[in-house]
Amino acid sequence: MEDKKSFGSRVEAFFAGKGFYIVLLLCVAVIGVSAWAMLTGGMDGSGGTESVAVAAMADAPFPAGEAQSAVLEQEPEPETWAAAAETEAPAETKPPEASPVATAAAETVVEDPVPAEADAKDYYIWPVSGAVETGYSMAALVYNRTMQDWRTHDGLDIAAAIGTQVRAAANGRVTDVYADDAYGTTVVISHNGGLCSVYSNLAATPTVAVGDTVGVGQVIGAVGDTALAEIGEPAHLHFAMTCDGESVDPGEYMP
């Protein structure tokens, strides 16, 4: 008991004297060393600050599963990347298809059936449909039943009933309309190349007049019975042609 009291007395005497200041100095030293260690550890490049921040986030009181969601929201999912790429990619532009109607119109070329400079011989048509009763004959005489004599024949007598429409054999311009003593009502149409077509034995009143421009196939009158020199023949159109004023065979220009 005396030893314990003696030890206690010595301790009290130590702290009552210089011992108190020694202990205080040691405590201050420990605190200073600890503070210095913390400061130098946070300032070096070893990532100590990031470690402390991560540790703080791990220790933060997030609700269950919320910390993980906060981290995952920092990066989009792969599906999000794909959707964004599709949205940003420019749409492929295709050239407009040609309209079928526009293409057909471009390929169709409408030409004048009889070009102005074309050879009119290639574009003649028969003025009426019918058999040739009397042919062209300027080198030999033919018998005329009405006049009961032999004479030349400068055209073609094409069988056609009275009233049948007569059409222009080619494009041209009406240059004469008159009543011939032998061949009756006559219409003359001038064409390219010095050619003229002559339509006789027409009805008294043609449907064209001098100066009219006519197209191939246009109606110019009707078959009549005005040709006194051929009145004894069956109803017909007397169709003749000239080239530079000289008689030519119409058959050579017919298709």
C-alpha atoms as a PDB file:
ATOM      1  CA  MET A   1       0.000   0.000   0.000  1.00  0.00           C
ATOM      2  CA  GLU A   2       2.848   2.325   0.820  1.00  0.00           C
ATOM      3  CA  ASP A   3       4.434   1.578  -2.590  1.00  0.00           C
ATOM      4  CA  LYS A   4       1.186   2.487  -4.435  1.00  0.00           C
ATOM      5  CA  LYS A   5       0.851   5.682  -2.477  1.00  0.00           C
ATOM      6  CA  SER A   6       4.480   6.445  -3.067  1.00  0.00           C
ATOM      7  CA  PHE A   7       4.004   5.947  -6.923  1.00  0.00           C
ATOM      8  CA  GLY A   8       0.903   8.112  -6.945  1.00  0.00           C
ATOM      9  CA  SER A   9       2.703  10.777  -4.996  1.00  0.00           C
ATOM     10  CA  ARG A  10       5.529  10.746  -7.502  1.00  0.00           C
ATOM     11  CA  VAL A  11       3.090  11.088 -10.458  1.00  0.00           C
ATOM     12  CA  GLU A  12       1.333  14.003  -8.821  1.00  0.00           C
ATOM     13  CA  ALA A  13       4.676  15.594  -8.119  1.00  0.00           C
ATOM     14  CA  PHE A  14       5.686  15.084 -11.803  1.00  0.00           C
ATOM     15  CA  PHE A  15       2.583  16.779 -13.208  1.00  0.00           C
ATOM     16  CA  ALA A  16       2.810  19.476 -10.555  1.00  0.00           C
ATOM     17  CA  GLY A  17       6.303  20.298 -11.734  1.00  0.00           C
ATOM     18  CA  LYS A  18       7.867  20.338 -15.236  1.00  0.00           C
ATOM     19  CA  GLY A  19       6.168  17.089 -16.317  1.00  0.00           C
ATOM     20  CA  PHE A  20       2.947  18.886 -17.291  1.00  0.00           C
ATOM     21  CA  TYR A  21       4.705  21.064 -19.797  1.00  0.00           C
ATOM     22  CA  ILE A  22       6.541  18.105 -21.315  1.00  0.00           C
ATOM     23  CA  VAL A  23       3.284  16.218 -21.945  1.00  0.00           C
ATOM     24  CA  LEU A  24       1.668  19.353 -23.421  1.00  0.00           C
ATOM     25  CA  LEU A  25       4.630  19.826 -25.766  1.00  0.00           C
ATOM     26  CA  LEU A  26       4.380  16.221 -26.942  1.00  0.00           C
ATOM     27  CA  CYS A  27       0.655  16.631 -27.699  1.00  0.00           C
ATOM     28  CA  VAL A  28       1.266  19.783 -29.717  1.00  0.00           C
ATOM     29  CA  ALA A  29       4.037  18.005 -31.643  1.00  0.00           C
ATOM     30  CA  VAL A  30       1.761  15.083 -32.459  1.00  0.00           C
ATOM     31  CA  ILE A  31      -0.974  17.440 -33.676  1.00  0.00           C
ATOM     32  CA  GLY A  32       1.481  19.387 -35.818  1.00  0.00           C
ATOM     33  CA  VAL A  33       2.928  16.265 -37.421  1.00  0.00           C
ATOM     34  CA  SER A  34      -0.557  14.974 -38.182  1.00  0.00           C
ATOM     35  CA  ALA A  35      -1.598  18.284 -39.782  1.00  0.00           C
ATOM     36  CA  TRP A  36       1.577  18.441 -41.861  1.00  0.00           C
ATOM     37  CA  ALA A  37       1.065  14.866 -43.086  1.00  0.00           C
ATOM     38  CA  MET A  38      -2.500  15.651 -44.163  1.00  0.00           C
ATOM     39  CA  LEU A  39      -1.467  18.821 -46.029  1.00  0.00           C
ATOM     40  CA  THR A  40       1.455  17.235 -47.869  1.00  0.00           C
ATOM     41  CA  GLY A  41      -0.640  14.162 -48.760  1.00  0.00           C
ATOM     42  CA  GLY A  42      -3.377  16.358 -50.359  1.00  0.00           C
ATOM     43  CA  MET A  43      -0.911  18.502 -52.366  1.00  0.00           C
ATOM     44  CA  ASP A  44       1.099  15.746 -54.146  1.00  0.00           C
ATOM     45  CA  GLY A  45       0.168  14.438 -57.683  1.00  0.00           C
ATOM     46  CA  SER A  46      -0.704  10.924 -56.567  1.00  0.00           C
ATOM     47  CA  GLY A  47      -4.418  11.547 -56.843  1.00  0.00           C
ATOM     48  CA  GLY A  48      -4.936  11.764 -53.106  1.00  0.00           C
ATOM     49  CA  THR A  49      -7.564  14.494 -53.528  1.00  0.00           C
ATOM     50  CA  GLU A  50      -9.577  12.364 -55.950  1.00  0.00           C
ATOM     51  CA  SER A  51      -9.357   9.435 -53.552  1.00  0.00           C
ATOM     52  CA  VAL A  52     -10.734  11.591 -50.768  1.00  0.00           C
ATOM     53  CA  ALA A  53     -13.552  12.839 -53.060  1.00  0.00           C
ATOM     54  CA  VAL A  54     -14.454   9.310 -54.130  1.00  0.00           C
ATOM     55  CA  ALA A  55     -14.390   8.152 -50.545  1.00  0.00           C
ATOM     56  CA  ALA A  56     -16.643  11.049 -49.611  1.00  0.00           C
ATOM     57  CA  MET A  57     -19.111  10.101 -52.386  1.00  0.00           C
ATOM     58  CA  ALA A  58     -19.063   6.497 -51.255  1.00  0.00           C
ATOM     59  CA  ASP A  59     -19.771   7.539 -47.681  1.00  0.00           C
ATOM     60  CA  ALA A  60     -22.467  10.094 -48.689  1.00  0.00           C
ATOM     61  CA  PRO A  61     -25.948   9.124 -47.502  1.00  0.00           C
ATOM     62  CA  PHE A  62     -27.499   8.342 -50.925  1.00  0.00           C
ATOM     63  CA  PRO A  63     -30.715   6.328 -50.888  1.00  0.00           C
ATOM     64  CA  ALA A  64     -30.377   2.746 -51.999  1.00  0.00           C
ATOM     65  CA  GLY A  65     -29.428   2.541 -55.699  1.00  0.00           C
ATOM     66  CA  GLU A  66     -29.371   6.365 -56.175  1.00  0.00           C
ATOM     67  CA  ALA A  67     -25.555   6.658 -56.074  1.00  0.00           C
ATOM     68  CA  GLN A  68     -25.208   4.115 -58.873  1.00  0.00           C
ATOM     69  CA  SER A  69     -27.839   5.903 -60.984  1.00  0.00           C
ATOM     70  CA  ALA A  70     -26.015   9.226 -60.545  1.00  0.00           C
ATOM     71  CA  VAL A  71     -22.811   7.682 -61.906  1.00  0.00           C
ATOM     72  CA  LEU A  72     -24.507   5.889 -64.796  1.00  0.00           C
ATOM     73  CA  GLU A  73     -26.255   9.037 -65.973  1.00  0.00           C
ATOM     74  CA  GLN A  74     -22.873  10.550 -66.824  1.00  0.00           C
ATOM     75  CA  GLU A  75     -22.501   8.357 -69.945  1.00  0.00           C
ATOM     76  CA  PRO A  76     -25.237   7.478 -72.491  1.00  0.00           C
ATOM     77  CA  GLU A  77     -26.095   3.874 -73.131  1.00  0.00           C
ATOM     78  CA  PRO A  78     -24.870   2.315 -76.434  1.00  0.00           C
ATOM     79  CA  GLU A  79     -28.455   2.401 -77.753  1.00  0.00           C
ATOM     80  CA  THR A  80     -28.531   6.161 -77.115  1.00  0.00           C
ATOM     81  CA  TRP A  81     -25.332   6.595 -79.119  1.00  0.00           C
ATOM     82  CA  ALA A  82     -26.815   4.683 -82.075  1.00  0.00           C
ATOM     83  CA  ALA A  83     -30.039   6.717 -81.989  1.00  0.00           C
ATOM     84  CA  ALA A  84     -28.056   9.961 -81.877  1.00  0.00           C
ATOM     85  CA  ALA A  85     -25.912   8.863 -84.830  1.00  0.00           C
ATOM     86  CA  GLU A  86     -29.013   8.051 -86.883  1.00  0.00           C
ATOM     87  CA  THR A  87     -30.568  11.405 -86.013  1.00  0.00           C
ATOM     88  CA  GLU A  88     -27.483  13.421 -86.939  1.00  0.00           C
ATOM     89  CA  ALA A  89     -26.677  11.520 -90.137  1.00  0.00           C
ATOM     90  CA  PRO A  90     -27.978  13.474 -93.171  1.00  0.00           C
ATOM     91  CA  ALA A  91     -30.728  11.699 -95.063  1.00  0.00           C
ATOM     92  CA  GLU A  92     -29.664  10.319 -98.415  1.00  0.00           C
ATOM     93  CA  THR A  93     -31.007  12.515-101.161  1.00  0.00           C
ATOM     94  CA  LYS A  94     -32.251  10.727-104.245  1.00  0.00           C
ATOM     95  CA  PRO A  95     -32.630  12.521-107.563  1.00  0.00           C
ATOM     96  CA  PRO A  96     -36.286  13.073-108.501  1.00  0.00           C
ATOM     97  CA  GLU A  97     -37.588  10.474-110.854  1.00  0.00           C
ATOM     98  CA  ALA A  98     -38.695  11.678-114.157  1.00  0.00           C
ATOM     99  CA  SER A  99     -42.303  11.800-114.541  1.00  0.00           C
ATOM    100  CA  PRO A 100     -43.537   9.209-117.049  1.00  0.00           C
ATOM    101  CA  VAL A 101     -45.683  11.892-118.629  1.00  0.00           C
ATOM    102  CA  ALA A 102     -42.753  14.322-118.944  1.00  0.00           C
ATOM    103  CA  THR A 103     -40.468  11.583-120.406  1.00  0.00           C
ATOM    104  CA  ALA A 104     -43.040  10.563-123.034  1.00  0.00           C
ATOM    105  CA  ALA A 105     -43.576  14.209-124.038  1.00  0.00           C
ATOM    106  CA  ALA A 106     -39.811  14.728-124.436  1.00  0.00           C
ATOM    107  CA  GLU A 107     -39.470  11.673-126.696  1.00  0.00           C
ATOM    108  CA  THR A 108     -42.442  12.589-128.907  1.00  0.00           C
ATOM    109  CA  VAL A 109     -41.589  14.896-131.793  1.00  0.00           C
ATOM    110  CA  VAL A 110     -44.535  16.194-133.774  1.00  0.00           C
ATOM    111  CA  GLU A 111     -43.589  17.194-137.280  1.00  0.00           C
ATOM    112  CA  ASP A 112     -45.524  18.942-140.002  1.00  0.00           C
ATOM    113  CA  PRO A 113     -46.902  16.122-142.195  1.00  0.00           C
ATOM    114  CA  VAL A 114     -45.592  18.031-145.199  1.00  0.00           C
ATOM    115  CA  PRO A 115     -42.423  20.090-144.452  1.00  0.00           C
ATOM    116  CA  ALA A 116     -42.240  23.335-146.460  1.00  0.00           C
ATOM    117  CA  GLU A 117     -39.064  22.300-148.280  1.00  0.00           C
ATOM    118  CA  ALA A 118     -40.063  18.668-148.802  1.00  0.00           C
ATOM    119  CA  ASP A 119     -40.710  17.209-152.220  1.00  0.00           C
ATOM    120  CA  ALA A 120     -44.502  17.425-152.591  1.00  0.00           C
ATOM    121  CA  LYS A 121     -44.428  14.237-154.682  1.00  0.00           C
ATOM    122  CA  ASP A 122     -43.812  12.209-151.524  1.00  0.00           C
ATOM    123  CA  TYR A 123     -46.859  13.634-149.705  1.00  0.00           C
ATOM    124  CA  TYR A 124     -49.748  13.353-152.138  1.00  0.00           C
ATOM    125  CA  ILE A 125     -52.951  11.457-151.472  1.00  0.00           C
ATOM    126  CA  TRP A 126     -55.810  10.421-153.709  1.00  0.00           C
ATOM    127  CA  PRO A 127     -58.476  13.165-153.721  1.00  0.00           C
ATOM    128  CA  VAL A 128     -61.275  10.558-153.854  1.00  0.00           C
ATOM    129  CA  SER A 129     -61.398   6.773-153.583  1.00  0.00           C
ATOM    130  CA  GLY A 130     -62.451   4.900-156.704  1.00  0.00           C
ATOM    131  CA  ALA A 131     -61.369   3.126-159.858  1.00  0.00           C
ATOM    132  CA  VAL A 132     -59.636   5.034-162.648  1.00  0.00           C
ATOM    133  CA  GLU A 133     -62.125   4.965-165.533  1.00  0.00           C
ATOM    134  CA  THR A 134     -59.926   6.823-168.002  1.00  0.00           C
ATOM    135  CA  GLY A 135     -56.181   7.183-167.564  1.00  0.00           C
ATOM    136  CA  TYR A 136     -53.686   9.903-168.404  1.00  0.00           C
ATOM    137  CA  SER A 137     -52.873   9.951-172.125  1.00  0.00           C
ATOM    138  CA  MET A 138     -51.121  12.858-173.800  1.00  0.00           C
ATOM    139  CA  ALA A 139     -49.013  10.801-176.212  1.00  0.00           C
ATOM    140  CA  ALA A 140     -51.900   8.743-177.628  1.00  0.00           C
ATOM    141  CA  LEU A 141     -55.496   9.550-178.432  1.00  0.00           C
ATOM    142  CA  VAL A 142     -58.363   7.998-176.439  1.00  0.00           C
ATOM    143  CA  TYR A 143     -62.010   7.725-177.431  1.00  0.00           C
ATOM    144  CA  ASN A 144     -64.399  10.206-175.777  1.00  0.00           C
ATOM    145  CA  ARG A 145     -67.897   8.690-175.605  1.00  0.00           C
ATOM    146  CA  THR A 146     -69.596  12.019-174.904  1.00  0.00           C
ATOM    147  CA  MET A 147     -68.026  13.842-177.842  1.00  0.00           C
ATOM    148  CA  GLN A 148     -67.731  10.638-179.905  1.00  0.00           C
ATOM    149  CA  ASP A 149     -64.234  11.473-181.046  1.00  0.00           C
ATOM    150  CA  TRP A 150     -60.575  10.688-180.343  1.00  0.00           C
ATOM    151  CA  ARG A 151     -58.571  13.131-178.261  1.00  0.00           C
ATOM    152  CA  THR A 152     -55.829  13.403-175.664  1.00  0.00           C
ATOM    153  CA  HIS A 153     -56.693  13.117-171.983  1.00  0.00           C
ATOM    154  CA  ASP A 154     -54.671  15.301-169.562  1.00  0.00           C
ATOM    155  CA  GLY A 155     -55.781  13.712-166.282  1.00  0.00           C
ATOM    156  CA  LEU A 156     -57.377  10.761-164.519  1.00  0.00           C
ATOM    157  CA  ASP A 157     -61.137  10.174-164.429  1.00  0.00           C
ATOM    158  CA  ILE A 158     -61.648   8.638-160.932  1.00  0.00           C
ATOM    159  CA  ALA A 159     -65.055   7.016-160.430  1.00  0.00           C
ATOM    160  CA  ALA A 160     -67.032   8.599-157.549  1.00  0.00           C
ATOM    161  CA  ALA A 161     -70.714   9.224-156.899  1.00  0.00           C
ATOM    162  CA  ILE A 162     -72.088  12.726-157.260  1.00  0.00           C
ATOM    163  CA  GLY A 163     -71.768  14.503-153.912  1.00  0.00           C
ATOM    164  CA  THR A 164     -68.638  12.614-152.818  1.00  0.00           C
ATOM    165  CA  GLN A 165     -66.273  14.919-150.928  1.00  0.00           C
ATOM    166  CA  VAL A 166     -63.119  15.892-152.817  1.00  0.00           C
ATOM    167  CA  ARG A 167     -59.964  16.472-150.750  1.00  0.00           C
ATOM    168  CA  ALA A 168     -56.763  18.409-151.413  1.00  0.00           C
ATOM    169  CA  ALA A 169     -54.095  16.006-152.619  1.00  0.00           C
ATOM    170  CA  ALA A 170     -51.344  17.920-150.767  1.00  0.00           C
ATOM    171  CA  ASN A 171     -50.641  21.072-148.779  1.00  0.00           C
ATOM    172  CA  GLY A 172     -50.904  24.196-150.851  1.00  0.00           C
ATOM    173  CA  ARG A 173     -52.705  27.428-151.725  1.00  0.00           C
ATOM    174  CA  VAL A 174     -55.768  27.873-153.898  1.00  0.00           C
ATOM    175  CA  THR A 175     -54.651  29.901-156.928  1.00  0.00           C
ATOM    176  CA  ASP A 176     -57.730  29.655-159.165  1.00  0.00           C
ATOM    177  CA  VAL A 177     -61.420  28.744-159.099  1.00  0.00           C
ATOM    178  CA  TYR A 178     -63.325  28.895-162.394  1.00  0.00           C
ATOM    179  CA  ALA A 179     -65.907  27.248-164.640  1.00  0.00           C
ATOM    180  CA  ASP A 180     -64.240  25.517-167.595  1.00  0.00           C
ATOM    181  CA  ASP A 181     -66.249  25.143-170.815  1.00  0.00           C
ATOM    182  CA  ALA A 182     -65.235  21.480-171.223  1.00  0.00           C
ATOM    183  CA  TYR A 183     -64.484  20.260-167.683  1.00  0.00           C
ATOM    184  CA  GLY A 184     -66.909  22.302-165.609  1.00  0.00           C
ATOM    185  CA  THR A 185     -66.251  23.756-162.119  1.00  0.00           C
ATOM    186  CA  THR A 186     -62.503  23.635-161.504  1.00  0.00           C
ATOM    187  CA  VAL A 187     -60.236  24.348-158.513  1.00  0.00           C
ATOM    188  CA  VAL A 188     -56.450  24.771-158.891  1.00  0.00           C
ATOM    189  CA  ILE A 189     -54.074  24.376-155.941  1.00  0.00           C
ATOM    190  CA  SER A 190     -50.379  25.307-156.102  1.00  0.00           C
ATOM    191  CA  HIS A 191     -47.822  23.154-154.257  1.00  0.00           C
ATOM    192  CA  ASN A 192     -44.061  23.093-153.667  1.00  0.00           C
ATOM    193  CA  GLY A 193     -41.708  22.465-156.544  1.00  0.00           C
ATOM    194  CA  GLY A 194     -43.812  24.227-159.199  1.00  0.00           C
ATOM    195  CA  LEU A 195     -46.545  21.579-159.020  1.00  0.00           C
ATOM    196  CA  CYS A 196     -50.269  22.284-159.294  1.00  0.00           C
ATOM    197  CA  SER A 197     -53.233  19.963-158.819  1.00  0.00           C
ATOM    198  CA  VAL A 198     -56.410  20.553-160.829  1.00  0.00           C
ATOM    199  CA  TYR A 199     -59.839  19.258-159.717  1.00  0.00           C
ATOM    200  CA  SER A 200     -62.600  19.399-162.346  1.00  0.00           C
ATOM    201  CA  ASN A 201     -66.222  18.266-162.783  1.00  0.00           C
ATOM    202  CA  LEU A 202     -66.932  19.572-159.265  1.00  0.00           C
ATOM    203  CA  ALA A 203     -70.280  20.693-157.961  1.00  0.00           C
ATOM    204  CA  ALA A 204     -71.084  24.268-158.887  1.00  0.00           C
ATOM    205  CA  THR A 205     -70.007  25.794-155.571  1.00  0.00           C
ATOM    206  CA  PRO A 206     -66.621  24.682-154.136  1.00  0.00           C
ATOM    207  CA  THR A 207     -65.873  25.086-150.427  1.00  0.00           C
ATOM    208  CA  VAL A 208     -62.652  27.078-150.990  1.00  0.00           C
ATOM    209  CA  ALA A 209     -61.779  30.384-152.629  1.00  0.00           C
ATOM    210  CA  VAL A 210     -58.739  31.889-154.292  1.00  0.00           C
ATOM    211  CA  GLY A 211     -56.028  32.686-151.733  1.00  0.00           C
ATOM    212  CA  ASP A 212     -57.089  29.996-149.229  1.00  0.00           C
ATOM    213  CA  THR A 213     -54.340  27.887-147.691  1.00  0.00           C
ATOM    214  CA  VAL A 214     -55.299  24.223-147.587  1.00  0.00           C
ATOM    215  CA  GLY A 215     -53.826  21.164-145.938  1.00  0.00           C
ATOM    216  CA  VAL A 216     -53.476  17.713-147.376  1.00  0.00           C
ATOM    217  CA  GLY A 217     -56.821  15.921-147.048  1.00  0.00           C
ATOM    218  CA  GLN A 218     -58.852  19.113-146.549  1.00  0.00           C
ATOM    219  CA  VAL A 219     -62.256  19.102-148.293  1.00  0.00           C
ATOM    220  CA  ILE A 220     -62.321  21.555-151.199  1.00  0.00           C
ATOM    221  CA  GLY A 221     -65.651  20.615-152.796  1.00  0.00           C
ATOM    222  CA  ALA A 222     -67.756  17.677-154.034  1.00  0.00           C
ATOM    223  CA  VAL A 223     -68.077  15.597-157.177  1.00  0.00           C
ATOM    224  CA  GLY A 224     -70.645  17.104-159.617  1.00  0.00           C
ATOM    225  CA  ASP A 225     -71.770  16.805-163.241  1.00  0.00           C
ATOM    226  CA  THR A 226     -70.590  20.118-164.617  1.00  0.00           C
ATOM    227  CA  ALA A 227     -68.071  18.734-167.168  1.00  0.00           C
ATOM    228  CA  LEU A 228     -70.018  19.016-170.463  1.00  0.00           C
ATOM    229  CA  ALA A 229     -67.252  17.272-172.415  1.00  0.00           C
ATOM    230  CA  GLU A 230     -67.567  14.170-170.209  1.00  0.00           C
ATOM    231  CA  ILE A 231     -71.231  14.240-169.218  1.00  0.00           C
ATOM    232  CA  GLY A 232     -71.782  10.906-171.013  1.00  0.00           C
ATOM    233  CA  GLU A 233     -69.267   9.175-168.680  1.00  0.00           C
ATOM    234  CA  PRO A 234     -70.159   7.633-165.304  1.00  0.00           C
ATOM    235  CA  ALA A 235     -69.936  10.096-162.377  1.00  0.00           C
ATOM    236  CA  HIS A 236     -66.312  10.872-161.661  1.00  0.00           C
ATOM    237  CA  LEU A 237     -63.685  13.449-160.658  1.00  0.00           C
ATOM    238  CA  HIS A 238     -61.429  14.699-163.429  1.00  0.00           C
ATOM    239  CA  PHE A 239     -58.061  15.061-161.688  1.00  0.00           C
ATOM    240  CA  ALA A 240     -55.083  16.608-163.502  1.00  0.00           C
ATOM    241  CA  MET A 241     -51.625  17.989-162.578  1.00  0.00           C
ATOM    242  CA  THR A 242     -49.051  20.352-164.043  1.00  0.00           C
ATOM    243  CA  CYS A 243     -45.401  21.068-163.262  1.00  0.00           C
ATOM    244  CA  ASP A 244     -44.148  24.507-164.212  1.00  0.00           C
ATOM    245  CA  GLY A 245     -47.190  24.870-166.456  1.00  0.00           C
ATOM    246  CA  GLU A 246     -46.684  21.584-168.317  1.00  0.00           C
ATOM    247  CA  SER A 247     -49.090  18.649-168.050  1.00  0.00           C
ATOM    248  CA  VAL A 248     -47.802  15.655-166.003  1.00  0.00           C
ATOM    249  CA  ASP A 249     -49.272  12.285-165.110  1.00  0.00           C
ATOM    250  CA  PRO A 250     -50.969  12.523-161.661  1.00  0.00           C
ATOM    251  CA  GLY A 251     -50.430   8.777-161.220  1.00  0.00           C
ATOM    252  CA  GLU A 252     -46.715   9.389-160.781  1.00  0.00           C
ATOM    253  CA  TYR A 253     -47.378  11.398-157.604  1.00  0.00           C
ATOM    254  CA  MET A 254     -50.007   9.193-156.026  1.00  0.00           C
ATOM    255  CA  PRO A 255     -49.070   6.763-153.211  1.00  0.00           C
END
